[in-house]
Structure formats: structure tokens, C-alpha cells
Amino acid sequence: MDVNGPRLPSYATCSPEEALKYASDTQDGRWSLLSYEVFWRDRYNFLKNNGYQLRPRFSPEWIPSWTGTNYDPFFCEDSIISMIYNVIDATRTSDGSLISIKSVSRTTNEIAISRMLSSKDLTQDSPSHCVPILDVLDDPNDSTKAMIIMPYLRPFDDPELRTIGEVVDFISQTLEVIPCFDDSVDELKVSLV
């Protein structure tokens, strides 16, 4: 067991035989980065230099934390595979806040629309509940892409909507944004042309 590494509860450890099996599985690539995770690994240092720290799994120097231990990989944070190919969580190093980074194509209007929805004009005196854009970074490896930095969010149904009042409130907040579009959509059309 790694004395200097993270301390896991006893149920997160395995027998020496299981540890050997996990070591073999690790060598065989069971927990290797998927192709879309390699995308994020290749941008790890760029994001770090811009103040955004990805999880250890995405470091170019990553060695699985369970290597050489009797830890069950399923209890180790860096064994978790990303589920959404173009969005990843990270930590903003300036204040430690969790953020999301989304890779987007520059050939769409997503950046312009996102910026418009999080502009001061729409967020200052309106009921806008849109996710604010904290930053937009040019992709260092692909000039057709950019990365939108946003606060880390939970799914809309987590925690679950349990009462009719919560459902009505959710729908009301969703519909409140429609009047915000009246003037802004025309401005957006002009700026996109």
C-alpha cells in the first residue's frame, strides 16, 4: 500500500490476487484514455497555463493512482471515464471553483449565441437564467475549434423535481427567457451576417 498516497477506506482495497489482476488489466489498457479523452490530455498544459486544472487522469504524465497499491481501481477518481466527449470538468486555479469546459466548432453560432445570452444587457435587468460564459479560449491544436468556459452545473433534474410547484417553477423560469430574445435575436442576426 502506498503510504504517501490517498487514504481510502478498507472496503476500497483488494486482496493481493485481485491487485495483480487489476495491475494486469491496467497494463492491458483497460483504463487507458479513450480517443476523446486524449483530446483533453493534449490540451492539459494549455488549459493549466490559462488557469484551468483538469483532473489527474488527463495529465500527460498520468500514472493510475492504484498502480503499485492494493486499491481497487473502481474506488479511484482517476479510473472514471468521461461520458460526454466535448465537455469536461476542471478547477479554476485562481479561486478553486469548479468549472466546465466545452469544446465547440467555430463554424456554428454557438459562441455568439452564448455570449449574447450571458451579456450584461440580458443578465443585468432580466430574468435570464442562462449559463454565463466566463471565458472563451482558442483551441491551440485546432483553429476550427474554441473552448467555452462556464460554471460547473448540475443536471436540471438533480435533485429530482418532486412537487407540482417545483415543476411549475422550473417551466416558468425556462419560459421567462423568451422575452429576453425579442430585441436580442434581431441584434444577433445582424452580428452574425
Protein backbone atom coordinates (compact mmCIF):
# COMPACT_ATOMS: atom_id res chain seq x y z
CA MET A 1 0.00 0.00 0.00
CA ASP A 2 1.21 3.49 -0.87
CA VAL A 3 1.80 5.25 2.45
CA ASN A 4 2.17 8.68 0.82
CA GLY A 5 -0.85 8.37 -1.48
CA PRO A 6 -4.53 8.97 -0.83
CA ARG A 7 -6.08 7.10 2.05
CA LEU A 8 -9.05 5.02 1.01
CA PRO A 9 -11.44 3.14 3.30
CA SER A 10 -10.72 -0.55 3.87
CA TYR A 11 -13.56 -1.63 1.56
CA ALA A 12 -11.75 0.13 -1.31
CA THR A 13 -8.77 -2.19 -1.04
CA CYS A 14 -8.47 -5.62 -2.57
CA SER A 15 -6.63 -8.87 -1.98
CA PRO A 16 -3.12 -9.33 -3.40
CA GLU A 17 -4.58 -11.63 -6.07
CA GLU A 18 -7.13 -9.01 -7.12
CA ALA A 19 -4.41 -6.34 -7.10
CA LEU A 20 -2.35 -8.47 -9.52
CA LYS A 21 -5.39 -8.88 -11.78
CA TYR A 22 -6.04 -5.12 -11.75
CA ALA A 23 -2.35 -4.49 -12.46
CA SER A 24 -2.58 -6.83 -15.47
CA ASP A 25 -5.81 -5.18 -16.65
CA THR A 26 -4.16 -1.77 -16.31
CA GLN A 27 -1.15 -2.92 -18.35
CA ASP A 28 -3.56 -4.28 -20.99
CA GLY A 29 -5.16 -0.84 -21.31
CA ARG A 30 -8.47 -1.37 -19.53
CA TRP A 31 -8.30 2.13 -18.02
CA SER A 32 -6.42 3.82 -20.85
CA LEU A 33 -7.74 7.13 -22.13
CA LEU A 34 -10.42 6.90 -24.78
CA SER A 35 -9.82 8.76 -28.04
CA TYR A 36 -11.95 11.72 -27.00
CA GLU A 37 -10.17 11.84 -23.63
CA VAL A 38 -6.85 12.08 -25.50
CA PHE A 39 -8.27 15.31 -26.96
CA TRP A 40 -8.35 16.79 -23.44
CA ARG A 41 -4.98 15.31 -22.44
CA ASP A 42 -3.45 17.06 -25.44
CA ARG A 43 -4.77 20.39 -24.13
CA TYR A 44 -3.93 19.78 -20.45
CA ASN A 45 -0.87 22.05 -20.30
CA PHE A 46 -2.53 24.78 -22.40
CA LEU A 47 -5.52 24.85 -20.05
CA LYS A 48 -3.26 24.75 -16.99
CA ASN A 49 -1.28 27.71 -18.33
CA ASN A 50 -4.59 29.57 -18.77
CA GLY A 51 -5.70 28.90 -15.18
CA TYR A 52 -7.78 25.74 -15.57
CA GLN A 53 -6.70 22.46 -13.95
CA LEU A 54 -8.05 19.23 -15.41
CA ARG A 55 -8.28 16.08 -13.28
CA PRO A 56 -5.08 13.99 -12.88
CA ARG A 57 -6.35 11.42 -15.42
CA PHE A 58 -5.79 13.96 -18.20
CA SER A 59 -2.22 14.89 -17.29
CA PRO A 60 0.28 13.87 -19.99
CA GLU A 61 2.32 12.27 -17.16
CA TRP A 62 -0.66 10.35 -15.71
CA ILE A 63 0.09 7.13 -13.90
CA PRO A 64 -3.05 5.46 -12.48
CA SER A 65 -3.26 6.15 -8.74
CA TRP A 66 -3.84 2.48 -7.93
CA THR A 67 -0.57 1.41 -9.60
CA GLY A 68 1.61 -0.44 -7.08
CA THR A 69 -1.11 -0.42 -4.41
CA ASN A 70 -3.87 -2.74 -3.29
CA TYR A 71 -6.52 -0.14 -4.15
CA ASP A 72 -9.49 -1.27 -6.17
CA PRO A 73 -9.43 0.98 -9.28
CA PHE A 74 -13.20 1.34 -9.16
CA PHE A 75 -12.77 3.42 -5.99
CA CYS A 76 -10.13 5.70 -7.52
CA GLU A 77 -11.20 9.02 -9.03
CA ASP A 78 -8.83 8.72 -11.97
CA SER A 79 -10.41 5.47 -13.18
CA ILE A 80 -13.61 7.33 -14.07
CA ILE A 81 -14.06 7.71 -17.81
CA SER A 82 -15.61 10.89 -19.17
CA MET A 83 -19.10 10.35 -20.54
CA ILE A 84 -19.50 13.40 -22.76
CA TYR A 85 -16.83 13.76 -25.42
CA ASN A 86 -16.87 17.55 -25.81
CA VAL A 87 -17.40 18.70 -22.21
CA ILE A 88 -15.08 18.24 -19.24
CA ASP A 89 -14.95 19.43 -15.66
CA ALA A 90 -11.98 21.35 -14.30
CA THR A 91 -10.94 23.63 -11.46
CA ARG A 92 -10.24 27.33 -11.93
CA THR A 93 -6.89 27.75 -10.21
CA SER A 94 -7.44 31.41 -9.28
CA ASP A 95 -10.23 30.62 -6.82
CA GLY A 96 -10.65 26.82 -6.74
CA SER A 97 -14.14 26.92 -8.24
CA LEU A 98 -15.41 24.04 -10.35
CA ILE A 99 -15.99 24.90 -13.98
CA SER A 100 -16.99 23.16 -17.19
CA ILE A 101 -15.09 23.44 -20.44
CA LYS A 102 -16.92 22.77 -23.68
CA SER A 103 -15.16 22.29 -27.00
CA VAL A 104 -17.21 23.87 -29.79
CA SER A 105 -16.86 24.34 -33.50
CA ARG A 106 -16.18 27.85 -34.73
CA THR A 107 -18.33 27.09 -37.80
CA THR A 108 -21.51 27.30 -35.72
CA ASN A 109 -23.10 30.29 -33.97
CA GLU A 110 -22.82 28.70 -30.52
CA ILE A 111 -20.17 31.10 -29.23
CA ALA A 112 -22.01 34.20 -30.47
CA ILE A 113 -25.33 32.98 -29.06
CA SER A 114 -23.73 32.01 -25.73
CA ARG A 115 -22.04 35.39 -25.43
CA MET A 116 -25.28 37.18 -26.28
CA LEU A 117 -27.23 35.20 -23.68
CA SER A 118 -24.65 35.96 -20.99
CA SER A 119 -24.14 39.62 -21.94
CA LYS A 120 -24.68 42.28 -19.29
CA ASP A 121 -27.63 43.67 -21.27
CA LEU A 122 -29.52 40.41 -20.88
CA THR A 123 -28.38 39.35 -17.44
CA GLN A 124 -28.46 42.66 -15.56
CA ASP A 125 -32.16 43.56 -15.55
CA SER A 126 -33.79 40.48 -16.97
CA PRO A 127 -34.98 37.14 -15.69
CA SER A 128 -32.32 35.36 -17.76
CA HIS A 129 -31.36 32.02 -16.26
CA CYS A 130 -28.80 31.23 -18.96
CA VAL A 131 -25.41 29.83 -18.09
CA PRO A 132 -22.85 32.65 -18.03
CA ILE A 133 -19.78 32.39 -20.24
CA LEU A 134 -16.69 33.02 -18.12
CA ASP A 135 -14.14 32.83 -20.90
CA VAL A 136 -13.58 31.64 -24.47
CA LEU A 137 -10.21 30.20 -25.43
CA ASP A 138 -8.93 29.45 -28.92
CA ASP A 139 -8.09 25.77 -29.28
CA PRO A 140 -4.29 25.61 -29.54
CA ASN A 141 -4.37 22.44 -31.67
CA ASP A 142 -7.32 23.10 -33.98
CA SER A 143 -8.14 26.53 -35.41
CA THR A 144 -11.70 25.40 -36.22
CA LYS A 145 -12.49 24.92 -32.51
CA ALA A 146 -12.73 27.01 -29.37
CA MET A 147 -13.32 26.21 -25.71
CA ILE A 148 -16.15 27.85 -23.78
CA ILE A 149 -15.55 28.13 -20.02
CA MET A 150 -18.71 28.03 -17.88
CA PRO A 151 -19.60 27.43 -14.22
CA TYR A 152 -19.98 23.77 -13.30
CA LEU A 153 -23.66 22.88 -13.30
CA ARG A 154 -25.82 20.03 -12.18
CA PRO A 155 -28.38 18.34 -14.43
CA PHE A 156 -31.73 20.14 -14.37
CA ASP A 157 -33.38 17.16 -12.67
CA ASP A 158 -30.77 16.62 -9.94
CA PRO A 159 -32.21 16.77 -7.38
CA GLU A 160 -35.41 15.45 -8.88
CA LEU A 161 -38.42 17.71 -9.24
CA ARG A 162 -40.73 16.23 -6.59
CA THR A 163 -43.72 18.53 -6.39
CA ILE A 164 -46.02 20.18 -8.89
CA GLY A 165 -44.83 23.55 -7.58
CA GLU A 166 -41.22 22.68 -8.43
CA VAL A 167 -42.24 21.61 -11.95
CA VAL A 168 -44.25 24.82 -12.45
CA ASP A 169 -41.33 26.91 -11.15
CA PHE A 170 -38.91 25.11 -13.49
CA ILE A 171 -41.17 25.70 -16.52
CA SER A 172 -41.79 29.33 -15.52
CA GLN A 173 -38.06 30.04 -15.24
CA THR A 174 -37.45 28.33 -18.57
CA LEU A 175 -40.15 30.41 -20.29
CA GLU A 176 -39.02 33.68 -18.65
CA VAL A 177 -36.07 33.83 -21.01
CA ILE A 178 -38.25 34.09 -24.15
CA PRO A 179 -38.95 37.85 -23.81
CA CYS A 180 -35.19 38.38 -23.47
CA PHE A 181 -34.86 37.21 -27.05
CA ASP A 182 -37.21 39.78 -28.61
CA ASP A 183 -34.62 42.53 -29.12
CA SER A 184 -31.51 40.40 -28.86
CA VAL A 185 -32.35 37.95 -31.64
CA ASP A 186 -32.52 40.75 -34.20
CA GLU A 187 -29.18 42.11 -32.93
CA LEU A 188 -27.69 38.61 -33.11
CA LYS A 189 -28.93 38.12 -36.69
CA VAL A 190 -27.24 41.36 -37.70
CA SER A 191 -23.97 40.50 -35.94
CA LEU A 192 -23.86 37.01 -37.49
CA VAL A 193 -24.29 38.26 -41.05
